[in-house]
Amino acid sequence: MKKTLGIVVALGLFAAPLAARAGEATVVLTVHHAGCVLCGPIVKSTLTHVKGVSGVTVSQADAMADVTATVTYDAAVTSPGAMIKATTDHGYPAEVAKSSKG
């Protein structure tokens, strides 16, 4: 009985990190009206403050281009729609360019 219990506990400890990562996803957003030097950092800060977001990187082809934001998030906590709402509420409408679940 103790041996079986030990195996069950060990398997549970092994499976817990896998379950924690099951909800991780990545989305790439195209953020419009972000053609200034400060726009990229504002978009990044806005997305970072969305509950469930664990990482944000932004890039911009040139100073007049839209911003591309790659966001890693917990799909059990937030969604691309919530991120789009956050950026839009700050004056930067966005759309999903690409998404994937981890």
PDB file of N, CA and C in Angstrom:
ATOM      1  N   MET A   1       0.819  -1.198   0.000  1.00  0.00           N
ATOM      2  CA  MET A   1       0.000   0.000   0.000  1.00  0.00           C
ATOM      3  C   MET A   1       0.864   1.263   0.000  1.00  0.00           C
ATOM      4  N   LYS A   2       1.906   1.280   0.859  1.00  0.00           N
ATOM      5  CA  LYS A   2       2.777   2.457   0.919  1.00  0.00           C
ATOM      6  C   LYS A   2       3.507   2.649  -0.399  1.00  0.00           C
ATOM      7  N   LYS A   3       3.900   1.550  -1.026  1.00  0.00           N
ATOM      8  CA  LYS A   3       4.601   1.637  -2.301  1.00  0.00           C
ATOM      9  C   LYS A   3       3.681   2.240  -3.376  1.00  0.00           C
ATOM     10  N   THR A   4       2.433   1.787  -3.404  1.00  0.00           N
ATOM     11  CA  THR A   4       1.473   2.302  -4.375  1.00  0.00           C
ATOM     12  C   THR A   4       1.218   3.789  -4.138  1.00  0.00           C
ATOM     13  N   LEU A   5       1.066   4.168  -2.880  1.00  0.00           N
ATOM     14  CA  LEU A   5       0.854   5.568  -2.541  1.00  0.00           C
ATOM     15  C   LEU A   5       2.037   6.419  -2.983  1.00  0.00           C
ATOM     16  N   GLY A   6       3.246   5.910  -2.775  1.00  0.00           N
ATOM     17  CA  GLY A   6       4.457   6.621  -3.190  1.00  0.00           C
ATOM     18  C   GLY A   6       4.503   6.828  -4.693  1.00  0.00           C
ATOM     19  N   ILE A   7       4.100   5.817  -5.437  1.00  0.00           N
ATOM     20  CA  ILE A   7       4.089   5.919  -6.904  1.00  0.00           C
ATOM     21  C   ILE A   7       3.053   6.951  -7.360  1.00  0.00           C
ATOM     22  N   VAL A   8       1.886   6.926  -6.730  1.00  0.00           N
ATOM     23  CA  VAL A   8       0.832   7.872  -7.093  1.00  0.00           C
ATOM     24  C   VAL A   8       1.277   9.305  -6.802  1.00  0.00           C
ATOM     25  N   VAL A   9       1.897   9.510  -5.646  1.00  0.00           N
ATOM     26  CA  VAL A   9       2.384  10.848  -5.296  1.00  0.00           C
ATOM     27  C   VAL A   9       3.463  11.295  -6.274  1.00  0.00           C
ATOM     28  N   ALA A  10       4.384  10.408  -6.608  1.00  0.00           N
ATOM     29  CA  ALA A  10       5.454  10.745  -7.551  1.00  0.00           C
ATOM     30  C   ALA A  10       4.884  11.111  -8.916  1.00  0.00           C
ATOM     31  N   LEU A  11       3.911  10.352  -9.375  1.00  0.00           N
ATOM     32  CA  LEU A  11       3.293  10.666 -10.669  1.00  0.00           C
ATOM     33  C   LEU A  11       2.561  12.006 -10.612  1.00  0.00           C
ATOM     34  N   GLY A  12       1.916  12.288  -9.502  1.00  0.00           N
ATOM     35  CA  GLY A  12       1.227  13.574  -9.339  1.00  0.00           C
ATOM     36  C   GLY A  12       2.201  14.736  -9.388  1.00  0.00           C
ATOM     37  N   LEU A  13       3.352  14.582  -8.731  1.00  0.00           N
ATOM     38  CA  LEU A  13       4.363  15.642  -8.749  1.00  0.00           C
ATOM     39  C   LEU A  13       4.943  15.823 -10.143  1.00  0.00           C
ATOM     40  N   PHE A  14       5.045  14.744 -10.889  1.00  0.00           N
ATOM     41  CA  PHE A  14       5.549  14.828 -12.255  1.00  0.00           C
ATOM     42  C   PHE A  14       4.535  15.493 -13.177  1.00  0.00           C
ATOM     43  N   ALA A  15       3.262  15.164 -13.001  1.00  0.00           N
ATOM     44  CA  ALA A  15       2.222  15.658 -13.898  1.00  0.00           C
ATOM     45  C   ALA A  15       1.829  17.106 -13.615  1.00  0.00           C
ATOM     46  N   ALA A  16       2.015  17.591 -12.394  1.00  0.00           N
ATOM     47  CA  ALA A  16       1.590  18.946 -12.040  1.00  0.00           C
ATOM     48  C   ALA A  16       2.214  20.019 -12.930  1.00  0.00           C
ATOM     49  N   PRO A  17       3.536  20.000 -13.168  1.00  0.00           N
ATOM     50  CA  PRO A  17       4.098  21.027 -14.057  1.00  0.00           C
ATOM     51  C   PRO A  17       3.564  20.928 -15.485  1.00  0.00           C
ATOM     52  N   LEU A  18       3.264  19.713 -15.936  1.00  0.00           N
ATOM     53  CA  LEU A  18       2.701  19.560 -17.281  1.00  0.00           C
ATOM     54  C   LEU A  18       1.317  20.187 -17.355  1.00  0.00           C
ATOM     55  N   ALA A  19       0.525  20.003 -16.331  1.00  0.00           N
ATOM     56  CA  ALA A  19      -0.808  20.599 -16.303  1.00  0.00           C
ATOM     57  C   ALA A  19      -0.726  22.117 -16.236  1.00  0.00           C
ATOM     58  N   ALA A  20       0.261  22.619 -15.507  1.00  0.00           N
ATOM     59  CA  ALA A  20       0.422  24.069 -15.390  1.00  0.00           C
ATOM     60  C   ALA A  20       0.759  24.687 -16.741  1.00  0.00           C
ATOM     61  N   ARG A  21       1.512  23.976 -17.570  1.00  0.00           N
ATOM     62  CA  ARG A  21       1.891  24.510 -18.873  1.00  0.00           C
ATOM     63  C   ARG A  21       0.822  24.290 -19.932  1.00  0.00           C
ATOM     64  N   ALA A  22      -0.160  23.456 -19.639  1.00  0.00           N
ATOM     65  CA  ALA A  22      -1.170  23.120 -20.638  1.00  0.00           C
ATOM     66  C   ALA A  22      -1.947  24.341 -21.110  1.00  0.00           C
ATOM     67  N   GLY A  23      -2.107  25.364 -20.252  1.00  0.00           N
ATOM     68  CA  GLY A  23      -2.868  26.536 -20.632  1.00  0.00           C
ATOM     69  C   GLY A  23      -2.046  27.627 -21.283  1.00  0.00           C
ATOM     70  N   GLU A  24      -0.721  27.426 -21.412  1.00  0.00           N
ATOM     71  CA  GLU A  24       0.128  28.466 -21.986  1.00  0.00           C
ATOM     72  C   GLU A  24      -0.085  28.556 -23.491  1.00  0.00           C
ATOM     73  N   ALA A  25      -0.224  29.782 -23.958  1.00  0.00           N
ATOM     74  CA  ALA A  25      -0.438  30.019 -25.382  1.00  0.00           C
ATOM     75  C   ALA A  25       0.322  31.277 -25.795  1.00  0.00           C
ATOM     76  N   THR A  26       0.460  31.435 -27.092  1.00  0.00           N
ATOM     77  CA  THR A  26       1.124  32.614 -27.645  1.00  0.00           C
ATOM     78  C   THR A  26       0.238  33.191 -28.743  1.00  0.00           C
ATOM     79  N   VAL A  27       0.173  34.496 -28.775  1.00  0.00           N
ATOM     80  CA  VAL A  27      -0.568  35.176 -29.827  1.00  0.00           C
ATOM     81  C   VAL A  27       0.299  36.321 -30.356  1.00  0.00           C
ATOM     82  N   VAL A  28       0.232  36.548 -31.644  1.00  0.00           N
ATOM     83  CA  VAL A  28       0.906  37.689 -32.265  1.00  0.00           C
ATOM     84  C   VAL A  28      -0.188  38.658 -32.691  1.00  0.00           C
ATOM     85  N   LEU A  29      -0.093  39.872 -32.174  1.00  0.00           N
ATOM     86  CA  LEU A  29      -1.069  40.910 -32.492  1.00  0.00           C
ATOM     87  C   LEU A  29      -0.448  41.962 -33.399  1.00  0.00           C
ATOM     88  N   THR A  30      -1.198  42.422 -34.362  1.00  0.00           N
ATOM     89  CA  THR A  30      -0.831  43.588 -35.143  1.00  0.00           C
ATOM     90  C   THR A  30      -1.564  44.760 -34.515  1.00  0.00           C
ATOM     91  N   VAL A  31      -0.810  45.739 -34.024  1.00  0.00           N
ATOM     92  CA  VAL A  31      -1.388  46.873 -33.304  1.00  0.00           C
ATOM     93  C   VAL A  31      -1.273  48.114 -34.197  1.00  0.00           C
ATOM     94  N   HIS A  32      -2.404  48.716 -34.491  1.00  0.00           N
ATOM     95  CA  HIS A  32      -2.469  49.860 -35.402  1.00  0.00           C
ATOM     96  C   HIS A  32      -2.385  51.197 -34.658  1.00  0.00           C
ATOM     97  N   HIS A  33      -2.103  52.259 -35.406  1.00  0.00           N
ATOM     98  CA  HIS A  33      -2.017  53.636 -34.890  1.00  0.00           C
ATOM     99  C   HIS A  33      -0.899  53.767 -33.859  1.00  0.00           C
ATOM    100  N   ALA A  34       0.146  52.975 -34.036  1.00  0.00           N
ATOM    101  CA  ALA A  34       1.245  52.975 -33.067  1.00  0.00           C
ATOM    102  C   ALA A  34       2.540  53.401 -33.749  1.00  0.00           C
ATOM    103  N   GLY A  35       2.473  54.468 -34.529  1.00  0.00           N
ATOM    104  CA  GLY A  35       3.613  54.884 -35.331  1.00  0.00           C
ATOM    105  C   GLY A  35       4.479  55.959 -34.707  1.00  0.00           C
ATOM    106  N   CYS A  36       4.716  55.891 -33.417  1.00  0.00           N
ATOM    107  CA  CYS A  36       5.626  56.854 -32.794  1.00  0.00           C
ATOM    108  C   CYS A  36       6.625  56.111 -31.902  1.00  0.00           C
ATOM    109  N   VAL A  37       7.627  56.811 -31.463  1.00  0.00           N
ATOM    110  CA  VAL A  37       8.677  56.204 -30.655  1.00  0.00           C
ATOM    111  C   VAL A  37       8.134  55.663 -29.330  1.00  0.00           C
ATOM    112  N   LEU A  38       7.177  56.334 -28.734  1.00  0.00           N
ATOM    113  CA  LEU A  38       6.637  55.905 -27.446  1.00  0.00           C
ATOM    114  C   LEU A  38       5.522  54.871 -27.562  1.00  0.00           C
ATOM    115  N   CYS A  39       4.975  54.681 -28.738  1.00  0.00           N
ATOM    116  CA  CYS A  39       3.839  53.779 -28.901  1.00  0.00           C
ATOM    117  C   CYS A  39       4.182  52.326 -28.554  1.00  0.00           C
ATOM    118  N   GLY A  40       5.300  51.838 -29.025  1.00  0.00           N
ATOM    119  CA  GLY A  40       5.705  50.456 -28.725  1.00  0.00           C
ATOM    120  C   GLY A  40       5.781  50.177 -27.234  1.00  0.00           C
ATOM    121  N   PRO A  41       6.495  51.016 -26.464  1.00  0.00           N
ATOM    122  CA  PRO A  41       6.533  50.806 -25.014  1.00  0.00           C
ATOM    123  C   PRO A  41       5.164  50.932 -24.342  1.00  0.00           C
ATOM    124  N   ILE A  42       4.306  51.810 -24.841  1.00  0.00           N
ATOM    125  CA  ILE A  42       2.962  51.939 -24.266  1.00  0.00           C
ATOM    126  C   ILE A  42       2.161  50.669 -24.531  1.00  0.00           C
ATOM    127  N   VAL A  43       2.239  50.149 -25.744  1.00  0.00           N
ATOM    128  CA  VAL A  43       1.540  48.911 -26.086  1.00  0.00           C
ATOM    129  C   VAL A  43       2.058  47.765 -25.210  1.00  0.00           C
ATOM    130  N   LYS A  44       3.377  47.675 -25.058  1.00  0.00           N
ATOM    131  CA  LYS A  44       3.961  46.614 -24.231  1.00  0.00           C
ATOM    132  C   LYS A  44       3.478  46.716 -22.790  1.00  0.00           C
ATOM    133  N   SER A  45       3.500  47.910 -22.234  1.00  0.00           N
ATOM    134  CA  SER A  45       3.048  48.108 -20.863  1.00  0.00           C
ATOM    135  C   SER A  45       1.573  47.752 -20.716  1.00  0.00           C
ATOM    136  N   THR A  46       0.767  48.163 -21.664  1.00  0.00           N
ATOM    137  CA  THR A  46      -0.669  47.874 -21.627  1.00  0.00           C
ATOM    138  C   THR A  46      -0.910  46.368 -21.609  1.00  0.00           C
ATOM    139  N   LEU A  47      -0.224  45.641 -22.484  1.00  0.00           N
ATOM    140  CA  LEU A  47      -0.410  44.192 -22.558  1.00  0.00           C
ATOM    141  C   LEU A  47       0.150  43.480 -21.327  1.00  0.00           C
ATOM    142  N   THR A  48       1.246  43.977 -20.792  1.00  0.00           N
ATOM    143  CA  THR A  48       1.842  43.379 -19.604  1.00  0.00           C
ATOM    144  C   THR A  48       0.888  43.437 -18.416  1.00  0.00           C
ATOM    145  N   HIS A  49       0.044  44.454 -18.375  1.00  0.00           N
ATOM    146  CA  HIS A  49      -0.884  44.618 -17.249  1.00  0.00           C
ATOM    147  C   HIS A  49      -2.182  43.820 -17.395  1.00  0.00           C
ATOM    148  N   VAL A  50      -2.343  43.093 -18.494  1.00  0.00           N
ATOM    149  CA  VAL A  50      -3.522  42.233 -18.638  1.00  0.00           C
ATOM    150  C   VAL A  50      -3.287  40.989 -17.782  1.00  0.00           C
ATOM    151  N   LYS A  51      -4.222  40.692 -16.895  1.00  0.00           N
ATOM    152  CA  LYS A  51      -4.093  39.536 -16.003  1.00  0.00           C
ATOM    153  C   LYS A  51      -3.955  38.262 -16.826  1.00  0.00           C
ATOM    154  N   GLY A  52      -2.950  37.456 -16.510  1.00  0.00           N
ATOM    155  CA  GLY A  52      -2.708  36.207 -17.216  1.00  0.00           C
ATOM    156  C   GLY A  52      -1.590  36.290 -18.236  1.00  0.00           C
ATOM    157  N   VAL A  53      -1.156  37.500 -18.571  1.00  0.00           N
ATOM    158  CA  VAL A  53      -0.063  37.683 -19.530  1.00  0.00           C
ATOM    159  C   VAL A  53       1.256  37.477 -18.798  1.00  0.00           C
ATOM    160  N   SER A  54       2.116  36.617 -19.358  1.00  0.00           N
ATOM    161  CA  SER A  54       3.407  36.342 -18.713  1.00  0.00           C
ATOM    162  C   SER A  54       4.592  36.937 -19.456  1.00  0.00           C
ATOM    163  N   GLY A  55       4.400  37.342 -20.703  1.00  0.00           N
ATOM    164  CA  GLY A  55       5.501  37.942 -21.446  1.00  0.00           C
ATOM    165  C   GLY A  55       5.030  38.658 -22.689  1.00  0.00           C
ATOM    166  N   VAL A  56       5.708  39.765 -22.995  1.00  0.00           N
ATOM    167  CA  VAL A  56       5.358  40.561 -24.177  1.00  0.00           C
ATOM    168  C   VAL A  56       6.636  41.044 -24.832  1.00  0.00           C
ATOM    169  N   THR A  57       6.737  40.871 -26.142  1.00  0.00           N
ATOM    170  CA  THR A  57       7.798  41.512 -26.915  1.00  0.00           C
ATOM    171  C   THR A  57       7.124  42.287 -28.039  1.00  0.00           C
ATOM    172  N   VAL A  58       7.648  43.469 -28.312  1.00  0.00           N
ATOM    173  CA  VAL A  58       7.095  44.281 -29.389  1.00  0.00           C
ATOM    174  C   VAL A  58       8.196  44.587 -30.399  1.00  0.00           C
ATOM    175  N   SER A  59       7.781  44.708 -31.641  1.00  0.00           N
ATOM    176  CA  SER A  59       8.725  45.100 -32.685  1.00  0.00           C
ATOM    177  C   SER A  59       7.995  46.008 -33.656  1.00  0.00           C
ATOM    178  N   GLN A  60       8.802  46.791 -34.359  1.00  0.00           N
ATOM    179  CA  GLN A  60       8.254  47.756 -35.306  1.00  0.00           C
ATOM    180  C   GLN A  60       9.240  47.871 -36.453  1.00  0.00           C
ATOM    181  N   ALA A  61       8.767  47.641 -37.671  1.00  0.00           N
ATOM    182  CA  ALA A  61       9.644  47.655 -38.843  1.00  0.00           C
ATOM    183  C   ALA A  61      10.339  49.002 -39.006  1.00  0.00           C
ATOM    184  N   ASP A  62       9.589  50.081 -38.819  1.00  0.00           N
ATOM    185  CA  ASP A  62      10.155  51.426 -38.843  1.00  0.00           C
ATOM    186  C   ASP A  62       9.253  52.327 -38.015  1.00  0.00           C
ATOM    187  N   ALA A  63       9.631  53.566 -37.864  1.00  0.00           N
ATOM    188  CA  ALA A  63       8.924  54.475 -36.967  1.00  0.00           C
ATOM    189  C   ALA A  63       7.470  54.729 -37.377  1.00  0.00           C
ATOM    190  N   MET A  64       7.122  54.463 -38.614  1.00  0.00           N
ATOM    191  CA  MET A  64       5.756  54.732 -39.077  1.00  0.00           C
ATOM    192  C   MET A  64       4.918  53.461 -39.211  1.00  0.00           C
ATOM    193  N   ALA A  65       5.499  52.304 -38.921  1.00  0.00           N
ATOM    194  CA  ALA A  65       4.802  51.031 -39.116  1.00  0.00           C
ATOM    195  C   ALA A  65       3.961  50.658 -37.901  1.00  0.00           C
ATOM    196  N   ASP A  66       3.007  49.747 -38.129  1.00  0.00           N
ATOM    197  CA  ASP A  66       2.255  49.175 -37.020  1.00  0.00           C
ATOM    198  C   ASP A  66       3.207  48.396 -36.123  1.00  0.00           C
ATOM    199  N   VAL A  67       2.807  48.223 -34.886  1.00  0.00           N
ATOM    200  CA  VAL A  67       3.593  47.449 -33.926  1.00  0.00           C
ATOM    201  C   VAL A  67       3.133  46.002 -33.987  1.00  0.00           C
ATOM    202  N   THR A  68       4.074  45.074 -33.915  1.00  0.00           N
ATOM    203  CA  THR A  68       3.764  43.664 -33.787  1.00  0.00           C
ATOM    204  C   THR A  68       4.092  43.269 -32.359  1.00  0.00           C
ATOM    205  N   ALA A  69       3.108  42.720 -31.648  1.00  0.00           N
ATOM    206  CA  ALA A  69       3.298  42.309 -30.257  1.00  0.00           C
ATOM    207  C   ALA A  69       3.126  40.800 -30.165  1.00  0.00           C
ATOM    208  N   THR A  70       4.144  40.131 -29.643  1.00  0.00           N
ATOM    209  CA  THR A  70       4.075  38.696 -29.390  1.00  0.00           C
ATOM    210  C   THR A  70       3.839  38.522 -27.905  1.00  0.00           C
ATOM    211  N   VAL A  71       2.713  37.889 -27.558  1.00  0.00           N
ATOM    212  CA  VAL A  71       2.281  37.807 -26.170  1.00  0.00           C
ATOM    213  C   VAL A  71       2.163  36.343 -25.752  1.00  0.00           C
ATOM    214  N   THR A  72       2.808  35.996 -24.640  1.00  0.00           N
ATOM    215  CA  THR A  72       2.660  34.685 -24.025  1.00  0.00           C
ATOM    216  C   THR A  72       1.709  34.860 -22.854  1.00  0.00           C
ATOM    217  N   TYR A  73       0.728  33.967 -22.747  1.00  0.00           N
ATOM    218  CA  TYR A  73      -0.302  34.142 -21.734  1.00  0.00           C
ATOM    219  C   TYR A  73      -0.886  32.803 -21.293  1.00  0.00           C
ATOM    220  N   ASP A  74      -1.589  32.826 -20.187  1.00  0.00           N
ATOM    221  CA  ASP A  74      -2.295  31.660 -19.667  1.00  0.00           C
ATOM    222  C   ASP A  74      -3.705  31.689 -20.248  1.00  0.00           C
ATOM    223  N   ALA A  75      -3.998  30.735 -21.118  1.00  0.00           N
ATOM    224  CA  ALA A  75      -5.292  30.708 -21.802  1.00  0.00           C
ATOM    225  C   ALA A  75      -6.451  30.448 -20.847  1.00  0.00           C
ATOM    226  N   ALA A  76      -6.164  29.945 -19.647  1.00  0.00           N
ATOM    227  CA  ALA A  76      -7.219  29.738 -18.660  1.00  0.00           C
ATOM    228  C   ALA A  76      -7.589  31.035 -17.956  1.00  0.00           C
ATOM    229  N   VAL A  77      -6.750  32.062 -18.093  1.00  0.00           N
ATOM    230  CA  VAL A  77      -6.959  33.323 -17.379  1.00  0.00           C
ATOM    231  C   VAL A  77      -7.390  34.446 -18.315  1.00  0.00           C
ATOM    232  N   THR A  78      -6.833  34.502 -19.518  1.00  0.00           N
ATOM    233  CA  THR A  78      -7.145  35.604 -20.435  1.00  0.00           C
ATOM    234  C   THR A  78      -7.261  35.088 -21.864  1.00  0.00           C
ATOM    235  N   SER A  79      -7.543  35.996 -22.773  1.00  0.00           N
ATOM    236  CA  SER A  79      -7.733  35.623 -24.175  1.00  0.00           C
ATOM    237  C   SER A  79      -7.218  36.740 -25.072  1.00  0.00           C
ATOM    238  N   PRO A  80      -6.994  36.433 -26.349  1.00  0.00           N
ATOM    239  CA  PRO A  80      -6.612  37.498 -27.276  1.00  0.00           C
ATOM    240  C   PRO A  80      -7.639  38.627 -27.317  1.00  0.00           C
ATOM    241  N   GLY A  81      -8.913  38.302 -27.154  1.00  0.00           N
ATOM    242  CA  GLY A  81      -9.948  39.335 -27.144  1.00  0.00           C
ATOM    243  C   GLY A  81      -9.753  40.340 -26.022  1.00  0.00           C
ATOM    244  N   ALA A  82      -9.346  39.856 -24.850  1.00  0.00           N
ATOM    245  CA  ALA A  82      -9.095  40.754 -23.719  1.00  0.00           C
ATOM    246  C   ALA A  82      -7.891  41.646 -23.994  1.00  0.00           C
ATOM    247  N   MET A  83      -6.882  41.096 -24.670  1.00  0.00           N
ATOM    248  CA  MET A  83      -5.694  41.891 -25.004  1.00  0.00           C
ATOM    249  C   MET A  83      -6.037  42.959 -26.040  1.00  0.00           C
ATOM    250  N   ILE A  84      -6.825  42.575 -27.027  1.00  0.00           N
ATOM    251  CA  ILE A  84      -7.249  43.525 -28.060  1.00  0.00           C
ATOM    252  C   ILE A  84      -8.070  44.648 -27.429  1.00  0.00           C
ATOM    253  N   LYS A  85      -8.957  44.304 -26.504  1.00  0.00           N
ATOM    254  CA  LYS A  85      -9.751  45.317 -25.807  1.00  0.00           C
ATOM    255  C   LYS A  85      -8.839  46.267 -25.035  1.00  0.00           C
ATOM    256  N   ALA A  86      -7.817  45.732 -24.368  1.00  0.00           N
ATOM    257  CA  ALA A  86      -6.907  46.572 -23.578  1.00  0.00           C
ATOM    258  C   ALA A  86      -6.172  47.568 -24.468  1.00  0.00           C
ATOM    259  N   THR A  87      -5.627  47.107 -25.593  1.00  0.00           N
ATOM    260  CA  THR A  87      -4.894  48.029 -26.468  1.00  0.00           C
ATOM    261  C   THR A  87      -5.846  49.024 -27.126  1.00  0.00           C
ATOM    262  N   THR A  88      -7.019  48.558 -27.531  1.00  0.00           N
ATOM    263  CA  THR A  88      -8.003  49.437 -28.164  1.00  0.00           C
ATOM    264  C   THR A  88      -8.457  50.518 -27.188  1.00  0.00           C
ATOM    265  N   ASP A  89      -8.660  50.137 -25.926  1.00  0.00           N
ATOM    266  CA  ASP A  89      -9.059  51.115 -24.907  1.00  0.00           C
ATOM    267  C   ASP A  89      -7.994  52.191 -24.696  1.00  0.00           C
ATOM    268  N   HIS A  90      -6.738  51.871 -25.056  1.00  0.00           N
ATOM    269  CA  HIS A  90      -5.653  52.852 -24.938  1.00  0.00           C
ATOM    270  C   HIS A  90      -5.380  53.566 -26.269  1.00  0.00           C
ATOM    271  N   GLY A  91      -6.266  53.380 -27.250  1.00  0.00           N
ATOM    272  CA  GLY A  91      -6.142  54.093 -28.513  1.00  0.00           C
ATOM    273  C   GLY A  91      -5.378  53.356 -29.593  1.00  0.00           C
ATOM    274  N   TYR A  92      -5.087  52.084 -29.357  1.00  0.00           N
ATOM    275  CA  TYR A  92      -4.328  51.293 -30.323  1.00  0.00           C
ATOM    276  C   TYR A  92      -5.124  50.056 -30.719  1.00  0.00           C
ATOM    277  N   PRO A  93      -6.004  50.162 -31.718  1.00  0.00           N
ATOM    278  CA  PRO A  93      -6.764  48.990 -32.144  1.00  0.00           C
ATOM    279  C   PRO A  93      -5.818  47.898 -32.627  1.00  0.00           C
ATOM    280  N   ALA A  94      -6.200  46.654 -32.363  1.00  0.00           N
ATOM    281  CA  ALA A  94      -5.336  45.531 -32.721  1.00  0.00           C
ATOM    282  C   ALA A  94      -6.151  44.410 -33.329  1.00  0.00           C
ATOM    283  N   GLU A  95      -5.433  43.484 -33.926  1.00  0.00           N
ATOM    284  CA  GLU A  95      -6.060  42.274 -34.471  1.00  0.00           C
ATOM    285  C   GLU A  95      -5.064  41.130 -34.340  1.00  0.00           C
ATOM    286  N   VAL A  96      -5.590  39.919 -34.317  1.00  0.00           N
ATOM    287  CA  VAL A  96      -4.740  38.744 -34.213  1.00  0.00           C
ATOM    288  C   VAL A  96      -4.069  38.499 -35.565  1.00  0.00           C
ATOM    289  N   ALA A  97      -2.753  38.415 -35.524  1.00  0.00           N
ATOM    290  CA  ALA A  97      -2.005  38.082 -36.737  1.00  0.00           C
ATOM    291  C   ALA A  97      -1.743  36.578 -36.787  1.00  0.00           C
ATOM    292  N   LYS A  98      -1.488  35.987 -35.588  1.00  0.00           N
ATOM    293  CA  LYS A  98      -1.171  34.555 -35.527  1.00  0.00           C
ATOM    294  C   LYS A  98      -1.313  34.108 -34.075  1.00  0.00           C
ATOM    295  N   SER A  99      -1.784  32.890 -33.851  1.00  0.00           N
ATOM    296  CA  SER A  99      -1.879  32.386 -32.485  1.00  0.00           C
ATOM    297  C   SER A  99      -1.530  30.905 -32.449  1.00  0.00           C
ATOM    298  N   SER A 100      -1.117  30.435 -31.259  1.00  0.00           N
ATOM    299  CA  SER A 100      -0.808  29.026 -31.064  1.00  0.00           C
ATOM    300  C   SER A 100      -0.915  28.686 -29.596  1.00  0.00           C
ATOM    301  N   LYS A 101      -1.273  27.464 -29.337  1.00  0.00           N
ATOM    302  CA  LYS A 101      -1.318  26.972 -27.949  1.00  0.00           C
ATOM    303  C   LYS A 101      -0.063  26.171 -27.706  1.00  0.00           C
ATOM    304  N   GLY A 102       0.492  26.363 -26.504  1.00  0.00           N
ATOM    305  CA  GLY A 102       1.732  25.686 -26.139  1.00  0.00           C
ATOM    306  C   GLY A 102       1.466  24.338 -25.695  1.00  0.00           C
TER     307      GLY A 102
END
